[in-house]
Amino acid sequence: MAAIVISDASPLIGLARLRGLIPSARAVFVGLHSSDFRIAPTVITTVLKRCGEIDDDSTS
């Protein structure tokens, strides 16, 4: 069996949102942030844009 190595949860959150497995990527990022799990704001913005949760013109 092959192992899965995850170095960043952000793409998984985005993929889960796009597949309808979670209702909001933003809510997951908020939850992670409140538990001291850190992801760069630019990464979060990129994922939210790709998921359609924010406009391409938006910065947050």
PDB file of N, CA and C in Angstrom:
ATOM      1  N   MET A   1       0.849  -1.175   0.000  1.00  0.00           N
ATOM      2  CA  MET A   1       0.000   0.000   0.000  1.00  0.00           C
ATOM      3  C   MET A   1       0.893   1.236   0.000  1.00  0.00           C
ATOM      4  N   ALA A   2       0.560   2.202  -0.828  1.00  0.00           N
ATOM      5  CA  ALA A   2       1.327   3.444  -0.909  1.00  0.00           C
ATOM      6  C   ALA A   2       0.922   4.390   0.202  1.00  0.00           C
ATOM      7  N   ALA A   3       1.885   5.124   0.706  1.00  0.00           N
ATOM      8  CA  ALA A   3       1.625   6.117   1.741  1.00  0.00           C
ATOM      9  C   ALA A   3       1.293   7.450   1.097  1.00  0.00           C
ATOM     10  N   ILE A   4       0.468   8.205   1.763  1.00  0.00           N
ATOM     11  CA  ILE A   4       0.143   9.550   1.315  1.00  0.00           C
ATOM     12  C   ILE A   4       0.858  10.523   2.242  1.00  0.00           C
ATOM     13  N   VAL A   5       1.649  11.402   1.663  1.00  0.00           N
ATOM     14  CA  VAL A   5       2.363  12.405   2.431  1.00  0.00           C
ATOM     15  C   VAL A   5       1.684  13.744   2.213  1.00  0.00           C
ATOM     16  N   ILE A   6       1.290  14.371   3.296  1.00  0.00           N
ATOM     17  CA  ILE A   6       0.623  15.666   3.212  1.00  0.00           C
ATOM     18  C   ILE A   6       1.516  16.707   3.872  1.00  0.00           C
ATOM     19  N   SER A   7       1.963  17.664   3.087  1.00  0.00           N
ATOM     20  CA  SER A   7       2.791  18.726   3.643  1.00  0.00           C
ATOM     21  C   SER A   7       1.984  20.000   3.862  1.00  0.00           C
ATOM     22  N   ASP A   8       0.819  20.083   3.253  1.00  0.00           N
ATOM     23  CA  ASP A   8      -0.021  21.264   3.383  1.00  0.00           C
ATOM     24  C   ASP A   8      -1.477  20.826   3.217  1.00  0.00           C
ATOM     25  N   ALA A   9      -2.308  21.195   4.162  1.00  0.00           N
ATOM     26  CA  ALA A   9      -3.717  20.810   4.128  1.00  0.00           C
ATOM     27  C   ALA A   9      -4.545  21.652   3.165  1.00  0.00           C
ATOM     28  N   SER A  10      -4.016  22.769   2.737  1.00  0.00           N
ATOM     29  CA  SER A  10      -4.789  23.701   1.915  1.00  0.00           C
ATOM     30  C   SER A  10      -5.366  23.085   0.645  1.00  0.00           C
ATOM     31  N   PRO A  11      -4.578  22.368  -0.152  1.00  0.00           N
ATOM     32  CA  PRO A  11      -5.159  21.777  -1.364  1.00  0.00           C
ATOM     33  C   PRO A  11      -6.261  20.763  -1.059  1.00  0.00           C
ATOM     34  N   LEU A  12      -6.126  20.043   0.033  1.00  0.00           N
ATOM     35  CA  LEU A  12      -7.165  19.075   0.401  1.00  0.00           C
ATOM     36  C   LEU A  12      -8.460  19.769   0.786  1.00  0.00           C
ATOM     37  N   ILE A  13      -8.333  20.884   1.480  1.00  0.00           N
ATOM     38  CA  ILE A  13      -9.517  21.662   1.851  1.00  0.00           C
ATOM     39  C   ILE A  13     -10.207  22.181   0.591  1.00  0.00           C
ATOM     40  N   GLY A  14      -9.421  22.711  -0.332  1.00  0.00           N
ATOM     41  CA  GLY A  14      -9.985  23.205  -1.588  1.00  0.00           C
ATOM     42  C   GLY A  14     -10.657  22.115  -2.385  1.00  0.00           C
ATOM     43  N   LEU A  15     -10.022  20.973  -2.482  1.00  0.00           N
ATOM     44  CA  LEU A  15     -10.587  19.849  -3.221  1.00  0.00           C
ATOM     45  C   LEU A  15     -11.875  19.351  -2.572  1.00  0.00           C
ATOM     46  N   ALA A  16     -11.875  19.273  -1.253  1.00  0.00           N
ATOM     47  CA  ALA A  16     -13.085  18.844  -0.544  1.00  0.00           C
ATOM     48  C   ALA A  16     -14.235  19.806  -0.805  1.00  0.00           C
ATOM     49  N   ARG A  17     -13.937  21.106  -0.866  1.00  0.00           N
ATOM     50  CA  ARG A  17     -14.973  22.102  -1.145  1.00  0.00           C
ATOM     51  C   ARG A  17     -15.496  21.961  -2.571  1.00  0.00           C
ATOM     52  N   LEU A  18     -14.592  21.798  -3.520  1.00  0.00           N
ATOM     53  CA  LEU A  18     -15.000  21.667  -4.920  1.00  0.00           C
ATOM     54  C   LEU A  18     -15.831  20.411  -5.160  1.00  0.00           C
ATOM     55  N   ARG A  19     -15.561  19.366  -4.415  1.00  0.00           N
ATOM     56  CA  ARG A  19     -16.318  18.108  -4.565  1.00  0.00           C
ATOM     57  C   ARG A  19     -17.585  18.072  -3.720  1.00  0.00           C
ATOM     58  N   GLY A  20     -17.839  19.134  -2.983  1.00  0.00           N
ATOM     59  CA  GLY A  20     -19.054  19.211  -2.174  1.00  0.00           C
ATOM     60  C   GLY A  20     -18.993  18.417  -0.892  1.00  0.00           C
ATOM     61  N   LEU A  21     -17.799  18.058  -0.461  1.00  0.00           N
ATOM     62  CA  LEU A  21     -17.652  17.274   0.768  1.00  0.00           C
ATOM     63  C   LEU A  21     -17.717  18.137   2.020  1.00  0.00           C
ATOM     64  N   ILE A  22     -17.429  19.415   1.865  1.00  0.00           N
ATOM     65  CA  ILE A  22     -17.567  20.380   2.953  1.00  0.00           C
ATOM     66  C   ILE A  22     -18.327  21.586   2.395  1.00  0.00           C
ATOM     67  N   PRO A  23     -19.137  22.242   3.234  1.00  0.00           N
ATOM     68  CA  PRO A  23     -19.925  23.370   2.730  1.00  0.00           C
ATOM     69  C   PRO A  23     -19.126  24.659   2.561  1.00  0.00           C
ATOM     70  N   SER A  24     -18.022  24.796   3.302  1.00  0.00           N
ATOM     71  CA  SER A  24     -17.271  26.047   3.260  1.00  0.00           C
ATOM     72  C   SER A  24     -15.801  25.811   3.567  1.00  0.00           C
ATOM     73  N   ALA A  25     -14.941  26.155   2.621  1.00  0.00           N
ATOM     74  CA  ALA A  25     -13.496  26.081   2.867  1.00  0.00           C
ATOM     75  C   ALA A  25     -13.096  27.148   3.881  1.00  0.00           C
ATOM     76  N   ARG A  26     -13.721  28.314   3.775  1.00  0.00           N
ATOM     77  CA  ARG A  26     -13.407  29.410   4.701  1.00  0.00           C
ATOM     78  C   ARG A  26     -13.639  28.980   6.148  1.00  0.00           C
ATOM     79  N   ALA A  27     -14.735  28.297   6.418  1.00  0.00           N
ATOM     80  CA  ALA A  27     -15.036  27.851   7.778  1.00  0.00           C
ATOM     81  C   ALA A  27     -13.965  26.889   8.294  1.00  0.00           C
ATOM     82  N   VAL A  28     -13.456  26.034   7.421  1.00  0.00           N
ATOM     83  CA  VAL A  28     -12.396  25.111   7.824  1.00  0.00           C
ATOM     84  C   VAL A  28     -11.127  25.888   8.154  1.00  0.00           C
ATOM     85  N   PHE A  29     -10.778  26.859   7.323  1.00  0.00           N
ATOM     86  CA  PHE A  29      -9.586  27.662   7.596  1.00  0.00           C
ATOM     87  C   PHE A  29      -9.730  28.439   8.899  1.00  0.00           C
ATOM     88  N   VAL A  30     -10.915  28.968   9.172  1.00  0.00           N
ATOM     89  CA  VAL A  30     -11.156  29.683  10.428  1.00  0.00           C
ATOM     90  C   VAL A  30     -10.961  28.741  11.614  1.00  0.00           C
ATOM     91  N   GLY A  31     -11.506  27.543  11.495  1.00  0.00           N
ATOM     92  CA  GLY A  31     -11.349  26.554  12.570  1.00  0.00           C
ATOM     93  C   GLY A  31      -9.896  26.174  12.796  1.00  0.00           C
ATOM     94  N   LEU A  32      -9.168  25.971  11.712  1.00  0.00           N
ATOM     95  CA  LEU A  32      -7.750  25.634  11.842  1.00  0.00           C
ATOM     96  C   LEU A  32      -6.967  26.784  12.465  1.00  0.00           C
ATOM     97  N   HIS A  33      -7.276  27.992  12.050  1.00  0.00           N
ATOM     98  CA  HIS A  33      -6.578  29.166  12.581  1.00  0.00           C
ATOM     99  C   HIS A  33      -6.814  29.302  14.088  1.00  0.00           C
ATOM    100  N   SER A  34      -8.017  29.024  14.534  1.00  0.00           N
ATOM    101  CA  SER A  34      -8.329  29.148  15.965  1.00  0.00           C
ATOM    102  C   SER A  34      -7.670  28.054  16.797  1.00  0.00           C
ATOM    103  N   SER A  35      -7.170  27.017  16.134  1.00  0.00           N
ATOM    104  CA  SER A  35      -6.483  25.941  16.869  1.00  0.00           C
ATOM    105  C   SER A  35      -4.965  26.046  16.731  1.00  0.00           C
ATOM    106  N   ASP A  36      -4.464  27.229  16.348  1.00  0.00           N
ATOM    107  CA  ASP A  36      -3.030  27.500  16.182  1.00  0.00           C
ATOM    108  C   ASP A  36      -2.396  26.790  14.998  1.00  0.00           C
ATOM    109  N   PHE A  37      -3.188  26.269  14.088  1.00  0.00           N
ATOM    110  CA  PHE A  37      -2.670  25.701  12.850  1.00  0.00           C
ATOM    111  C   PHE A  37      -2.510  26.863  11.893  1.00  0.00           C
ATOM    112  N   ARG A  38      -1.316  27.082  11.387  1.00  0.00           N
ATOM    113  CA  ARG A  38      -1.045  28.265  10.578  1.00  0.00           C
ATOM    114  C   ARG A  38      -0.882  27.946   9.102  1.00  0.00           C
ATOM    115  N   ILE A  39      -1.566  28.727   8.289  1.00  0.00           N
ATOM    116  CA  ILE A  39      -1.440  28.670   6.839  1.00  0.00           C
ATOM    117  C   ILE A  39      -1.311  30.116   6.369  1.00  0.00           C
ATOM    118  N   ALA A  40      -0.399  30.371   5.450  1.00  0.00           N
ATOM    119  CA  ALA A  40      -0.168  31.730   4.960  1.00  0.00           C
ATOM    120  C   ALA A  40      -1.449  32.317   4.373  1.00  0.00           C
ATOM    121  N   PRO A  41      -1.729  33.575   4.673  1.00  0.00           N
ATOM    122  CA  PRO A  41      -2.930  34.225   4.139  1.00  0.00           C
ATOM    123  C   PRO A  41      -3.021  34.182   2.618  1.00  0.00           C
ATOM    124  N   THR A  42      -1.908  34.289   1.933  1.00  0.00           N
ATOM    125  CA  THR A  42      -1.944  34.239   0.466  1.00  0.00           C
ATOM    126  C   THR A  42      -2.379  32.865  -0.029  1.00  0.00           C
ATOM    127  N   VAL A  43      -2.015  31.820   0.694  1.00  0.00           N
ATOM    128  CA  VAL A  43      -2.430  30.459   0.327  1.00  0.00           C
ATOM    129  C   VAL A  43      -3.932  30.321   0.527  1.00  0.00           C
ATOM    130  N   ILE A  44      -4.430  30.804   1.648  1.00  0.00           N
ATOM    131  CA  ILE A  44      -5.861  30.737   1.931  1.00  0.00           C
ATOM    132  C   ILE A  44      -6.644  31.496   0.859  1.00  0.00           C
ATOM    133  N   THR A  45      -6.189  32.690   0.519  1.00  0.00           N
ATOM    134  CA  THR A  45      -6.863  33.491  -0.502  1.00  0.00           C
ATOM    135  C   THR A  45      -6.895  32.761  -1.837  1.00  0.00           C
ATOM    136  N   THR A  46      -5.789  32.146  -2.205  1.00  0.00           N
ATOM    137  CA  THR A  46      -5.723  31.402  -3.467  1.00  0.00           C
ATOM    138  C   THR A  46      -6.724  30.249  -3.476  1.00  0.00           C
ATOM    139  N   VAL A  47      -6.776  29.490  -2.396  1.00  0.00           N
ATOM    140  CA  VAL A  47      -7.706  28.354  -2.313  1.00  0.00           C
ATOM    141  C   VAL A  47      -9.150  28.850  -2.377  1.00  0.00           C
ATOM    142  N   LEU A  48      -9.464  29.911  -1.633  1.00  0.00           N
ATOM    143  CA  LEU A  48     -10.833  30.433  -1.635  1.00  0.00           C
ATOM    144  C   LEU A  48     -11.239  30.952  -3.013  1.00  0.00           C
ATOM    145  N   LYS A  49     -10.302  31.561  -3.730  1.00  0.00           N
ATOM    146  CA  LYS A  49     -10.590  32.001  -5.104  1.00  0.00           C
ATOM    147  C   LYS A  49     -10.880  30.806  -6.001  1.00  0.00           C
ATOM    148  N   ARG A  50     -10.064  29.777  -5.898  1.00  0.00           N
ATOM    149  CA  ARG A  50     -10.242  28.593  -6.742  1.00  0.00           C
ATOM    150  C   ARG A  50     -11.533  27.848  -6.427  1.00  0.00           C
ATOM    151  N   CYS A  51     -11.987  27.969  -5.189  1.00  0.00           N
ATOM    152  CA  CYS A  51     -13.245  27.326  -4.787  1.00  0.00           C
ATOM    153  C   CYS A  51     -14.460  28.174  -5.126  1.00  0.00           C
ATOM    154  N   GLY A  52     -14.217  29.421  -5.529  1.00  0.00           N
ATOM    155  CA  GLY A  52     -15.316  30.317  -5.836  1.00  0.00           C
ATOM    156  C   GLY A  52     -15.942  30.960  -4.620  1.00  0.00           C
ATOM    157  N   GLU A  53     -15.252  30.914  -3.476  1.00  0.00           N
ATOM    158  CA  GLU A  53     -15.801  31.522  -2.265  1.00  0.00           C
ATOM    159  C   GLU A  53     -15.486  33.006  -2.176  1.00  0.00           C
ATOM    160  N   ILE A  54     -14.512  33.477  -2.948  1.00  0.00           N
ATOM    161  CA  ILE A  54     -14.249  34.904  -3.068  1.00  0.00           C
ATOM    162  C   ILE A  54     -13.960  35.209  -4.537  1.00  0.00           C
ATOM    163  N   ASP A  55     -14.198  36.454  -4.918  1.00  0.00           N
ATOM    164  CA  ASP A  55     -13.938  36.876  -6.296  1.00  0.00           C
ATOM    165  C   ASP A  55     -12.447  36.936  -6.564  1.00  0.00           C
ATOM    166  N   ASP A  56     -12.069  36.814  -7.813  1.00  0.00           N
ATOM    167  CA  ASP A  56     -10.658  36.941  -8.197  1.00  0.00           C
ATOM    168  C   ASP A  56     -10.104  38.307  -7.857  1.00  0.00           C
ATOM    169  N   ASP A  57     -10.947  39.324  -7.803  1.00  0.00           N
ATOM    170  CA  ASP A  57     -10.509  40.684  -7.511  1.00  0.00           C
ATOM    171  C   ASP A  57     -10.305  40.915  -6.019  1.00  0.00           C
ATOM    172  N   SER A  58     -10.853  40.026  -5.185  1.00  0.00           N
ATOM    173  CA  SER A  58     -10.789  40.195  -3.745  1.00  0.00           C
ATOM    174  C   SER A  58      -9.433  39.804  -3.195  1.00  0.00           C
ATOM    175  N   THR A  59      -9.060  40.389  -2.069  1.00  0.00           N
ATOM    176  CA  THR A  59      -7.790  40.058  -1.428  1.00  0.00           C
ATOM    177  C   THR A  59      -7.987  39.292  -0.139  1.00  0.00           C
ATOM    178  N   SER A  60      -9.231  39.083   0.292  1.00  0.00           N
ATOM    179  CA  SER A  60      -9.466  38.296   1.496  1.00  0.00           C
ATOM    180  C   SER A  60     -10.823  37.627   1.462  1.00  0.00           C
TER     181      SER A  60
END
